[in-house]
Every structure is written in C-alpha cells, then in structure tokens.
Amino acid sequence: SDENESLGGGRLNSNHRQDDAIDESVDERLRGIEPKMIELINNEIMDHGTPVLWSDIAGLEFAKKTIKEIVVWPMLRPDIFTGLRGPPKGLLLFGPPGT
C-alpha cells in the first residue's frame, strides 16, 4: 500500500563530479535531466530525521491524493506522463498553516 511509502520516495543520488557532469552510476530516473537541475533539487532535499509516511498525515485525503497524482506519480513513471498527459507545471497550496 502506498500509505506506508515515504513522502520523498527516497533520496535520488546525483553522484556529481567536480565539473557537474553526471556520473555513469546515476539513478536511471535522473537520466535526461540537466545536471544543474539535479544539483538544485538535491540541495533542497532535507534528508534527516524520521521519515514521514503518507499515513502519518491525518485527514486531508483530497490534498494527499492530488499531490500524489501531480508530483509523485510523474516522478515514478515519467514514461506515462508525456505529450498531452504531461503533468501540470505547478501546484498551488493554500489554507491556514498546519493544514
């Protein structure tokens, strides 16, 4: 069940060399992405503390479902989200803090 999956799905390692070129051992999901973009994303990943699971978030089922469809699924299966089925370019989160 995806309720027990980590929100981040695990850290994607970029394995940069000094010249920012992608090493041969890079995760297959990162092939075709610009090295600079991989570096920017990896710099924003906070990889410490206890992993947060989807089941740790009480309620907000619609918001969780929407985030999975717009963010998680395209990262896991980019081959499906091409052409007219491409994922949205953004997601607006609104509401009071803590929700």
PDB file of N, CA and C in Angstrom:
ATOM      1  N   SER A   1       0.843  -1.187   0.000  1.00  0.00           N
ATOM      2  CA  SER A   1       0.000   0.000   0.000  1.00  0.00           C
ATOM      3  C   SER A   1       0.880   1.240   0.000  1.00  0.00           C
ATOM      4  N   ASP A   2       0.441   2.246  -0.750  1.00  0.00           N
ATOM      5  CA  ASP A   2       1.253   3.456  -0.817  1.00  0.00           C
ATOM      6  C   ASP A   2       1.107   4.312   0.429  1.00  0.00           C
ATOM      7  N   GLU A   3       0.229   3.929   1.371  1.00  0.00           N
ATOM      8  CA  GLU A   3       0.111   4.657   2.627  1.00  0.00           C
ATOM      9  C   GLU A   3       1.376   4.525   3.459  1.00  0.00           C
ATOM     10  N   ASN A   4       2.142   3.467   3.247  1.00  0.00           N
ATOM     11  CA  ASN A   4       3.344   3.242   4.036  1.00  0.00           C
ATOM     12  C   ASN A   4       4.604   3.687   3.305  1.00  0.00           C
ATOM     13  N   GLU A   5       4.445   4.277   2.131  1.00  0.00           N
ATOM     14  CA  GLU A   5       5.597   4.781   1.396  1.00  0.00           C
ATOM     15  C   GLU A   5       6.024   6.116   1.975  1.00  0.00           C
ATOM     16  N   SER A   6       7.300   6.375   1.924  1.00  0.00           N
ATOM     17  CA  SER A   6       7.816   7.652   2.376  1.00  0.00           C
ATOM     18  C   SER A   6       7.370   8.735   1.414  1.00  0.00           C
ATOM     19  N   LEU A   7       7.130   9.939   1.903  1.00  0.00           N
ATOM     20  CA  LEU A   7       6.697  11.042   1.057  1.00  0.00           C
ATOM     21  C   LEU A   7       7.715  11.355  -0.022  1.00  0.00           C
ATOM     22  N   GLY A   8       8.975  11.338   0.327  1.00  0.00           N
ATOM     23  CA  GLY A   8      10.001  11.672  -0.642  1.00  0.00           C
ATOM     24  C   GLY A   8      10.342  10.530  -1.569  1.00  0.00           C
ATOM     25  N   GLY A   9       9.943   9.324  -1.255  1.00  0.00           N
ATOM     26  CA  GLY A   9      10.248   8.194  -2.102  1.00  0.00           C
ATOM     27  C   GLY A   9      11.721   7.849  -2.083  1.00  0.00           C
ATOM     28  N   GLY A  10      12.459   8.322  -1.127  1.00  0.00           N
ATOM     29  CA  GLY A  10      13.894   8.066  -1.068  1.00  0.00           C
ATOM     30  C   GLY A  10      14.652   9.154  -1.789  1.00  0.00           C
ATOM     31  N   ARG A  11      15.852   9.364  -1.378  1.00  0.00           N
ATOM     32  CA  ARG A  11      16.673  10.407  -1.985  1.00  0.00           C
ATOM     33  C   ARG A  11      17.255   9.896  -3.291  1.00  0.00           C
ATOM     34  N   LEU A  12      17.223  10.709  -4.297  1.00  0.00           N
ATOM     35  CA  LEU A  12      17.803  10.367  -5.583  1.00  0.00           C
ATOM     36  C   LEU A  12      19.235  10.893  -5.598  1.00  0.00           C
ATOM     37  N   ASN A  13      20.184  10.001  -5.698  1.00  0.00           N
ATOM     38  CA  ASN A  13      21.580  10.414  -5.660  1.00  0.00           C
ATOM     39  C   ASN A  13      22.027  10.889  -7.023  1.00  0.00           C
ATOM     40  N   SER A  14      22.740  12.000  -7.059  1.00  0.00           N
ATOM     41  CA  SER A  14      23.175  12.552  -8.331  1.00  0.00           C
ATOM     42  C   SER A  14      24.619  12.212  -8.654  1.00  0.00           C
ATOM     43  N   ASN A  15      25.446  11.884  -7.667  1.00  0.00           N
ATOM     44  CA  ASN A  15      26.835  11.491  -7.886  1.00  0.00           C
ATOM     45  C   ASN A  15      27.577  12.453  -8.819  1.00  0.00           C
ATOM     46  N   HIS A  16      27.678  13.725  -8.413  1.00  0.00           N
ATOM     47  CA  HIS A  16      28.351  14.733  -9.243  1.00  0.00           C
ATOM     48  C   HIS A  16      29.869  14.604  -9.157  1.00  0.00           C
ATOM     49  N   ARG A  17      30.521  14.898 -10.278  1.00  0.00           N
ATOM     50  CA  ARG A  17      31.956  15.119 -10.274  1.00  0.00           C
ATOM     51  C   ARG A  17      32.167  16.614 -10.158  1.00  0.00           C
ATOM     52  N   GLN A  18      33.404  17.050 -10.055  1.00  0.00           N
ATOM     53  CA  GLN A  18      33.652  18.478  -9.870  1.00  0.00           C
ATOM     54  C   GLN A  18      33.136  19.301 -11.032  1.00  0.00           C
ATOM     55  N   ASP A  19      33.142  18.775 -12.232  1.00  0.00           N
ATOM     56  CA  ASP A  19      32.691  19.537 -13.394  1.00  0.00           C
ATOM     57  C   ASP A  19      31.176  19.462 -13.586  1.00  0.00           C
ATOM     58  N   ASP A  20      30.445  18.992 -12.548  1.00  0.00           N
ATOM     59  CA  ASP A  20      28.989  18.886 -12.550  1.00  0.00           C
ATOM     60  C   ASP A  20      28.451  17.910 -13.590  1.00  0.00           C
ATOM     61  N   ALA A  21      29.283  17.093 -14.189  1.00  0.00           N
ATOM     62  CA  ALA A  21      28.804  16.077 -15.112  1.00  0.00           C
ATOM     63  C   ALA A  21      28.208  14.932 -14.315  1.00  0.00           C
ATOM     64  N   ILE A  22      27.214  14.282 -14.890  1.00  0.00           N
ATOM     65  CA  ILE A  22      26.575  13.171 -14.202  1.00  0.00           C
ATOM     66  C   ILE A  22      27.405  11.918 -14.393  1.00  0.00           C
ATOM     67  N   ASP A  23      27.665  11.236 -13.300  1.00  0.00           N
ATOM     68  CA  ASP A  23      28.447  10.012 -13.296  1.00  0.00           C
ATOM     69  C   ASP A  23      27.651   8.892 -13.957  1.00  0.00           C
ATOM     70  N   GLU A  24      28.325   7.862 -14.392  1.00  0.00           N
ATOM     71  CA  GLU A  24      27.686   6.728 -15.050  1.00  0.00           C
ATOM     72  C   GLU A  24      26.750   5.969 -14.122  1.00  0.00           C
ATOM     73  N   SER A  25      26.943   6.050 -12.804  1.00  0.00           N
ATOM     74  CA  SER A  25      26.145   5.278 -11.858  1.00  0.00           C
ATOM     75  C   SER A  25      24.910   6.031 -11.368  1.00  0.00           C
ATOM     76  N   VAL A  26      24.489   7.065 -12.067  1.00  0.00           N
ATOM     77  CA  VAL A  26      23.336   7.859 -11.661  1.00  0.00           C
ATOM     78  C   VAL A  26      22.063   7.025 -11.778  1.00  0.00           C
ATOM     79  N   ASP A  27      21.159   7.266 -10.854  1.00  0.00           N
ATOM     80  CA  ASP A  27      19.858   6.619 -10.876  1.00  0.00           C
ATOM     81  C   ASP A  27      19.236   6.791 -12.262  1.00  0.00           C
ATOM     82  N   GLU A  28      18.668   5.748 -12.801  1.00  0.00           N
ATOM     83  CA  GLU A  28      18.090   5.774 -14.142  1.00  0.00           C
ATOM     84  C   GLU A  28      16.998   6.833 -14.276  1.00  0.00           C
ATOM     85  N   ARG A  29      16.284   7.130 -13.187  1.00  0.00           N
ATOM     86  CA  ARG A  29      15.215   8.127 -13.228  1.00  0.00           C
ATOM     87  C   ARG A  29      15.734   9.528 -13.490  1.00  0.00           C
ATOM     88  N   LEU A  30      17.042   9.754 -13.301  1.00  0.00           N
ATOM     89  CA  LEU A  30      17.606  11.089 -13.475  1.00  0.00           C
ATOM     90  C   LEU A  30      18.229  11.309 -14.843  1.00  0.00           C
ATOM     91  N   ARG A  31      18.285  10.275 -15.647  1.00  0.00           N
ATOM     92  CA  ARG A  31      18.863  10.421 -16.982  1.00  0.00           C
ATOM     93  C   ARG A  31      18.005  11.380 -17.791  1.00  0.00           C
ATOM     94  N   GLY A  32      18.626  12.268 -18.528  1.00  0.00           N
ATOM     95  CA  GLY A  32      17.897  13.224 -19.345  1.00  0.00           C
ATOM     96  C   GLY A  32      17.585  14.525 -18.627  1.00  0.00           C
ATOM     97  N   ILE A  33      17.905  14.606 -17.346  1.00  0.00           N
ATOM     98  CA  ILE A  33      17.681  15.840 -16.593  1.00  0.00           C
ATOM     99  C   ILE A  33      19.010  16.583 -16.510  1.00  0.00           C
ATOM    100  N   GLU A  34      18.960  17.881 -16.691  1.00  0.00           N
ATOM    101  CA  GLU A  34      20.182  18.683 -16.674  1.00  0.00           C
ATOM    102  C   GLU A  34      20.889  18.547 -15.326  1.00  0.00           C
ATOM    103  N   PRO A  35      22.216  18.397 -15.345  1.00  0.00           N
ATOM    104  CA  PRO A  35      22.975  18.267 -14.096  1.00  0.00           C
ATOM    105  C   PRO A  35      22.735  19.426 -13.128  1.00  0.00           C
ATOM    106  N   LYS A  36      22.608  20.642 -13.647  1.00  0.00           N
ATOM    107  CA  LYS A  36      22.373  21.801 -12.780  1.00  0.00           C
ATOM    108  C   LYS A  36      21.028  21.673 -12.064  1.00  0.00           C
ATOM    109  N   MET A  37      20.003  21.146 -12.758  1.00  0.00           N
ATOM    110  CA  MET A  37      18.690  20.969 -12.152  1.00  0.00           C
ATOM    111  C   MET A  37      18.755  19.904 -11.059  1.00  0.00           C
ATOM    112  N   ILE A  38      19.490  18.827 -11.298  1.00  0.00           N
ATOM    113  CA  ILE A  38      19.655  17.775 -10.296  1.00  0.00           C
ATOM    114  C   ILE A  38      20.324  18.347  -9.054  1.00  0.00           C
ATOM    115  N   GLU A  39      21.341  19.171  -9.266  1.00  0.00           N
ATOM    116  CA  GLU A  39      22.048  19.784  -8.144  1.00  0.00           C
ATOM    117  C   GLU A  39      21.118  20.699  -7.340  1.00  0.00           C
ATOM    118  N   LEU A  40      20.312  21.507  -8.036  1.00  0.00           N
ATOM    119  CA  LEU A  40      19.378  22.403  -7.347  1.00  0.00           C
ATOM    120  C   LEU A  40      18.365  21.616  -6.524  1.00  0.00           C
ATOM    121  N   ILE A  41      17.853  20.540  -7.087  1.00  0.00           N
ATOM    122  CA  ILE A  41      16.873  19.715  -6.367  1.00  0.00           C
ATOM    123  C   ILE A  41      17.523  19.055  -5.161  1.00  0.00           C
ATOM    124  N   ASN A  42      18.690  18.467  -5.351  1.00  0.00           N
ATOM    125  CA  ASN A  42      19.368  17.782  -4.245  1.00  0.00           C
ATOM    126  C   ASN A  42      19.734  18.741  -3.123  1.00  0.00           C
ATOM    127  N   ASN A  43      20.016  20.004  -3.456  1.00  0.00           N
ATOM    128  CA  ASN A  43      20.330  20.985  -2.422  1.00  0.00           C
ATOM    129  C   ASN A  43      19.113  21.327  -1.573  1.00  0.00           C
ATOM    130  N   GLU A  44      17.910  21.103  -2.092  1.00  0.00           N
ATOM    131  CA  GLU A  44      16.685  21.408  -1.361  1.00  0.00           C
ATOM    132  C   GLU A  44      16.174  20.226  -0.551  1.00  0.00           C
ATOM    133  N   ILE A  45      16.726  19.041  -0.746  1.00  0.00           N
ATOM    134  CA  ILE A  45      16.258  17.853  -0.045  1.00  0.00           C
ATOM    135  C   ILE A  45      16.805  17.856   1.375  1.00  0.00           C
ATOM    136  N   MET A  46      15.910  17.732   2.326  1.00  0.00           N
ATOM    137  CA  MET A  46      16.302  17.633   3.733  1.00  0.00           C
ATOM    138  C   MET A  46      16.247  16.156   4.093  1.00  0.00           C
ATOM    139  N   ASP A  47      17.395  15.534   4.166  1.00  0.00           N
ATOM    140  CA  ASP A  47      17.473  14.090   4.360  1.00  0.00           C
ATOM    141  C   ASP A  47      17.948  13.779   5.777  1.00  0.00           C
ATOM    142  N   HIS A  48      17.128  14.128   6.760  1.00  0.00           N
ATOM    143  CA  HIS A  48      17.461  13.816   8.138  1.00  0.00           C
ATOM    144  C   HIS A  48      16.170  13.684   8.937  1.00  0.00           C
ATOM    145  N   GLY A  49      16.265  13.086  10.094  1.00  0.00           N
ATOM    146  CA  GLY A  49      15.088  12.901  10.928  1.00  0.00           C
ATOM    147  C   GLY A  49      14.312  11.656  10.545  1.00  0.00           C
ATOM    148  N   THR A  50      13.200  11.459  11.214  1.00  0.00           N
ATOM    149  CA  THR A  50      12.346  10.313  10.972  1.00  0.00           C
ATOM    150  C   THR A  50      11.592  10.489   9.655  1.00  0.00           C
ATOM    151  N   PRO A  51      11.581   9.474   8.805  1.00  0.00           N
ATOM    152  CA  PRO A  51      10.821   9.590   7.552  1.00  0.00           C
ATOM    153  C   PRO A  51       9.330   9.787   7.835  1.00  0.00           C
ATOM    154  N   VAL A  52       8.691  10.616   7.028  1.00  0.00           N
ATOM    155  CA  VAL A  52       7.264  10.868   7.170  1.00  0.00           C
ATOM    156  C   VAL A  52       6.530  10.006   6.150  1.00  0.00           C
ATOM    157  N   LEU A  53       5.546   9.249   6.614  1.00  0.00           N
ATOM    158  CA  LEU A  53       4.746   8.400   5.745  1.00  0.00           C
ATOM    159  C   LEU A  53       3.423   9.099   5.429  1.00  0.00           C
ATOM    160  N   TRP A  54       2.800   8.713   4.321  1.00  0.00           N
ATOM    161  CA  TRP A  54       1.503   9.285   3.986  1.00  0.00           C
ATOM    162  C   TRP A  54       0.508   9.023   5.104  1.00  0.00           C
ATOM    163  N   SER A  55       0.597   7.871   5.752  1.00  0.00           N
ATOM    164  CA  SER A  55      -0.343   7.529   6.822  1.00  0.00           C
ATOM    165  C   SER A  55      -0.126   8.383   8.075  1.00  0.00           C
ATOM    166  N   ASP A  56       1.017   9.066   8.182  1.00  0.00           N
ATOM    167  CA  ASP A  56       1.276   9.965   9.310  1.00  0.00           C
ATOM    168  C   ASP A  56       0.467  11.260   9.219  1.00  0.00           C
ATOM    169  N   ILE A  57      -0.039  11.561   8.031  1.00  0.00           N
ATOM    170  CA  ILE A  57      -0.793  12.795   7.814  1.00  0.00           C
ATOM    171  C   ILE A  57      -2.267  12.479   8.011  1.00  0.00           C
ATOM    172  N   ALA A  58      -2.853  13.041   9.061  1.00  0.00           N
ATOM    173  CA  ALA A  58      -4.253  12.774   9.390  1.00  0.00           C
ATOM    174  C   ALA A  58      -5.165  13.575   8.479  1.00  0.00           C
ATOM    175  N   GLY A  59      -6.161  12.907   7.923  1.00  0.00           N
ATOM    176  CA  GLY A  59      -7.130  13.606   7.084  1.00  0.00           C
ATOM    177  C   GLY A  59      -6.506  14.101   5.792  1.00  0.00           C
ATOM    178  N   LEU A  60      -7.038  15.189   5.284  1.00  0.00           N
ATOM    179  CA  LEU A  60      -6.538  15.844   4.071  1.00  0.00           C
ATOM    180  C   LEU A  60      -6.397  14.864   2.905  1.00  0.00           C
ATOM    181  N   GLU A  61      -7.337  13.922   2.794  1.00  0.00           N
ATOM    182  CA  GLU A  61      -7.251  12.879   1.768  1.00  0.00           C
ATOM    183  C   GLU A  61      -7.204  13.462   0.365  1.00  0.00           C
ATOM    184  N   PHE A  62      -8.016  14.484   0.096  1.00  0.00           N
ATOM    185  CA  PHE A  62      -8.018  15.076  -1.238  1.00  0.00           C
ATOM    186  C   PHE A  62      -6.668  15.711  -1.556  1.00  0.00           C
ATOM    187  N   ALA A  63      -6.089  16.433  -0.593  1.00  0.00           N
ATOM    188  CA  ALA A  63      -4.783  17.075  -0.805  1.00  0.00           C
ATOM    189  C   ALA A  63      -3.696  16.026  -1.020  1.00  0.00           C
ATOM    190  N   LYS A  64      -3.717  14.944  -0.241  1.00  0.00           N
ATOM    191  CA  LYS A  64      -2.711  13.883  -0.403  1.00  0.00           C
ATOM    192  C   LYS A  64      -2.851  13.217  -1.764  1.00  0.00           C
ATOM    193  N   LYS A  65      -4.081  12.946  -2.176  1.00  0.00           N
ATOM    194  CA  LYS A  65      -4.319  12.305  -3.473  1.00  0.00           C
ATOM    195  C   LYS A  65      -3.832  13.211  -4.609  1.00  0.00           C
ATOM    196  N   THR A  66      -4.114  14.503  -4.497  1.00  0.00           N
ATOM    197  CA  THR A  66      -3.708  15.460  -5.524  1.00  0.00           C
ATOM    198  C   THR A  66      -2.190  15.548  -5.623  1.00  0.00           C
ATOM    199  N   ILE A  67      -1.511  15.605  -4.494  1.00  0.00           N
ATOM    200  CA  ILE A  67      -0.047  15.679  -4.504  1.00  0.00           C
ATOM    201  C   ILE A  67       0.544  14.416  -5.107  1.00  0.00           C
ATOM    202  N   LYS A  68      -0.007  13.258  -4.779  1.00  0.00           N
ATOM    203  CA  LYS A  68       0.482  12.006  -5.366  1.00  0.00           C
ATOM    204  C   LYS A  68       0.333  12.022  -6.880  1.00  0.00           C
ATOM    205  N   GLU A  69      -0.833  12.460  -7.369  1.00  0.00           N
ATOM    206  CA  GLU A  69      -1.098  12.463  -8.806  1.00  0.00           C
ATOM    207  C   GLU A  69      -0.244  13.472  -9.560  1.00  0.00           C
ATOM    208  N   ILE A  70      -0.011  14.632  -8.959  1.00  0.00           N
ATOM    209  CA  ILE A  70       0.691  15.707  -9.668  1.00  0.00           C
ATOM    210  C   ILE A  70       2.204  15.637  -9.492  1.00  0.00           C
ATOM    211  N   VAL A  71       2.675  15.185  -8.326  1.00  0.00           N
ATOM    212  CA  VAL A  71       4.108  15.221  -8.033  1.00  0.00           C
ATOM    213  C   VAL A  71       4.738  13.830  -8.042  1.00  0.00           C
ATOM    214  N   VAL A  72       4.165  12.906  -7.288  1.00  0.00           N
ATOM    215  CA  VAL A  72       4.810  11.606  -7.081  1.00  0.00           C
ATOM    216  C   VAL A  72       4.711  10.708  -8.310  1.00  0.00           C
ATOM    217  N   TRP A  73       3.506  10.525  -8.846  1.00  0.00           N
ATOM    218  CA  TRP A  73       3.354   9.611  -9.977  1.00  0.00           C
ATOM    219  C   TRP A  73       4.218   9.990 -11.181  1.00  0.00           C
ATOM    220  N   PRO A  74       4.264  11.266 -11.598  1.00  0.00           N
ATOM    221  CA  PRO A  74       5.124  11.609 -12.736  1.00  0.00           C
ATOM    222  C   PRO A  74       6.616  11.342 -12.474  1.00  0.00           C
ATOM    223  N   MET A  75       7.037  11.423 -11.200  1.00  0.00           N
ATOM    224  CA  MET A  75       8.437  11.122 -10.892  1.00  0.00           C
ATOM    225  C   MET A  75       8.698   9.623 -10.964  1.00  0.00           C
ATOM    226  N   LEU A  76       7.707   8.825 -10.573  1.00  0.00           N
ATOM    227  CA  LEU A  76       7.879   7.380 -10.587  1.00  0.00           C
ATOM    228  C   LEU A  76       7.700   6.782 -11.984  1.00  0.00           C
ATOM    229  N   ARG A  77       6.826   7.361 -12.796  1.00  0.00           N
ATOM    230  CA  ARG A  77       6.542   6.832 -14.129  1.00  0.00           C
ATOM    231  C   ARG A  77       6.542   7.942 -15.181  1.00  0.00           C
ATOM    232  N   PRO A  78       7.692   8.550 -15.456  1.00  0.00           N
ATOM    233  CA  PRO A  78       7.722   9.652 -16.434  1.00  0.00           C
ATOM    234  C   PRO A  78       7.321   9.206 -17.833  1.00  0.00           C
ATOM    235  N   ASP A  79       7.454   7.906 -18.133  1.00  0.00           N
ATOM    236  CA  ASP A  79       7.091   7.404 -19.453  1.00  0.00           C
ATOM    237  C   ASP A  79       5.600   7.545 -19.728  1.00  0.00           C
ATOM    238  N   ILE A  80       4.779   7.553 -18.711  1.00  0.00           N
ATOM    239  CA  ILE A  80       3.327   7.679 -18.876  1.00  0.00           C
ATOM    240  C   ILE A  80       2.920   9.134 -19.057  1.00  0.00           C
ATOM    241  N   PHE A  81       3.625  10.040 -18.404  1.00  0.00           N
ATOM    242  CA  PHE A  81       3.245  11.449 -18.393  1.00  0.00           C
ATOM    243  C   PHE A  81       3.995  12.216 -19.470  1.00  0.00           C
ATOM    244  N   THR A  82       3.651  11.945 -20.714  1.00  0.00           N
ATOM    245  CA  THR A  82       4.274  12.622 -21.850  1.00  0.00           C
ATOM    246  C   THR A  82       3.188  13.204 -22.739  1.00  0.00           C
ATOM    247  N   GLY A  83       3.554  14.123 -23.587  1.00  0.00           N
ATOM    248  CA  GLY A  83       2.609  14.717 -24.529  1.00  0.00           C
ATOM    249  C   GLY A  83       1.468  15.421 -23.828  1.00  0.00           C
ATOM    250  N   LEU A  84       0.241  15.122 -24.274  1.00  0.00           N
ATOM    251  CA  LEU A  84      -0.945  15.752 -23.686  1.00  0.00           C
ATOM    252  C   LEU A  84      -1.195  15.309 -22.261  1.00  0.00           C
ATOM    253  N   ARG A  85      -0.629  14.171 -21.856  1.00  0.00           N
ATOM    254  CA  ARG A  85      -0.804  13.682 -20.486  1.00  0.00           C
ATOM    255  C   ARG A  85       0.296  14.189 -19.557  1.00  0.00           C
ATOM    256  N   GLY A  86       1.043  15.178 -19.992  1.00  0.00           N
ATOM    257  CA  GLY A  86       2.123  15.725 -19.174  1.00  0.00           C
ATOM    258  C   GLY A  86       1.587  16.277 -17.861  1.00  0.00           C
ATOM    259  N   PRO A  87       2.383  16.210 -16.808  1.00  0.00           N
ATOM    260  CA  PRO A  87       1.923  16.714 -15.510  1.00  0.00           C
ATOM    261  C   PRO A  87       1.819  18.239 -15.520  1.00  0.00           C
ATOM    262  N   PRO A  88       0.990  18.787 -14.639  1.00  0.00           N
ATOM    263  CA  PRO A  88       0.906  20.250 -14.541  1.00  0.00           C
ATOM    264  C   PRO A  88       2.270  20.846 -14.189  1.00  0.00           C
ATOM    265  N   LYS A  89       2.454  22.093 -14.510  1.00  0.00           N
ATOM    266  CA  LYS A  89       3.725  22.765 -14.242  1.00  0.00           C
ATOM    267  C   LYS A  89       3.804  23.317 -12.829  1.00  0.00           C
ATOM    268  N   GLY A  90       2.707  23.297 -12.102  1.00  0.00           N
ATOM    269  CA  GLY A  90       2.724  23.839 -10.746  1.00  0.00           C
ATOM    270  C   GLY A  90       1.542  23.339  -9.946  1.00  0.00           C
ATOM    271  N   LEU A  91       1.630  23.601  -8.658  1.00  0.00           N
ATOM    272  CA  LEU A  91       0.574  23.214  -7.724  1.00  0.00           C
ATOM    273  C   LEU A  91       0.459  24.314  -6.685  1.00  0.00           C
ATOM    274  N   LEU A  92      -0.727  24.893  -6.564  1.00  0.00           N
ATOM    275  CA  LEU A  92      -0.958  25.952  -5.598  1.00  0.00           C
ATOM    276  C   LEU A  92      -1.498  25.343  -4.310  1.00  0.00           C
ATOM    277  N   LEU A  93      -0.747  25.494  -3.242  1.00  0.00           N
ATOM    278  CA  LEU A  93      -1.184  25.027  -1.921  1.00  0.00           C
ATOM    279  C   LEU A  93      -1.675  26.246  -1.147  1.00  0.00           C
ATOM    280  N   PHE A  94      -2.875  26.168  -0.591  1.00  0.00           N
ATOM    281  CA  PHE A  94      -3.407  27.299   0.143  1.00  0.00           C
ATOM    282  C   PHE A  94      -4.135  26.795   1.382  1.00  0.00           C
ATOM    283  N   GLY A  95      -4.370  27.674   2.308  1.00  0.00           N
ATOM    284  CA  GLY A  95      -5.072  27.335   3.536  1.00  0.00           C
ATOM    285  C   GLY A  95      -4.279  27.796   4.728  1.00  0.00           C
ATOM    286  N   PRO A  96      -4.869  27.643   5.904  1.00  0.00           N
ATOM    287  CA  PRO A  96      -4.169  28.069   7.114  1.00  0.00           C
ATOM    288  C   PRO A  96      -2.941  27.230   7.384  1.00  0.00           C
ATOM    289  N   PRO A  97      -1.940  27.764   8.057  1.00  0.00           N
ATOM    290  CA  PRO A  97      -0.736  26.997   8.376  1.00  0.00           C
ATOM    291  C   PRO A  97      -1.081  25.734   9.158  1.00  0.00           C
ATOM    292  N   GLY A  98      -0.375  24.667   8.856  1.00  0.00           N
ATOM    293  CA  GLY A  98      -0.573  23.414   9.562  1.00  0.00           C
ATOM    294  C   GLY A  98      -1.565  22.488   8.899  1.00  0.00           C
ATOM    295  N   THR A  99      -2.137  22.913   7.758  1.00  0.00           N
ATOM    296  CA  THR A  99      -3.072  22.027   7.066  1.00  0.00           C
ATOM    297  C   THR A  99      -2.560  21.721   5.686  1.00  0.00           C
TER     298      THR A  99
END
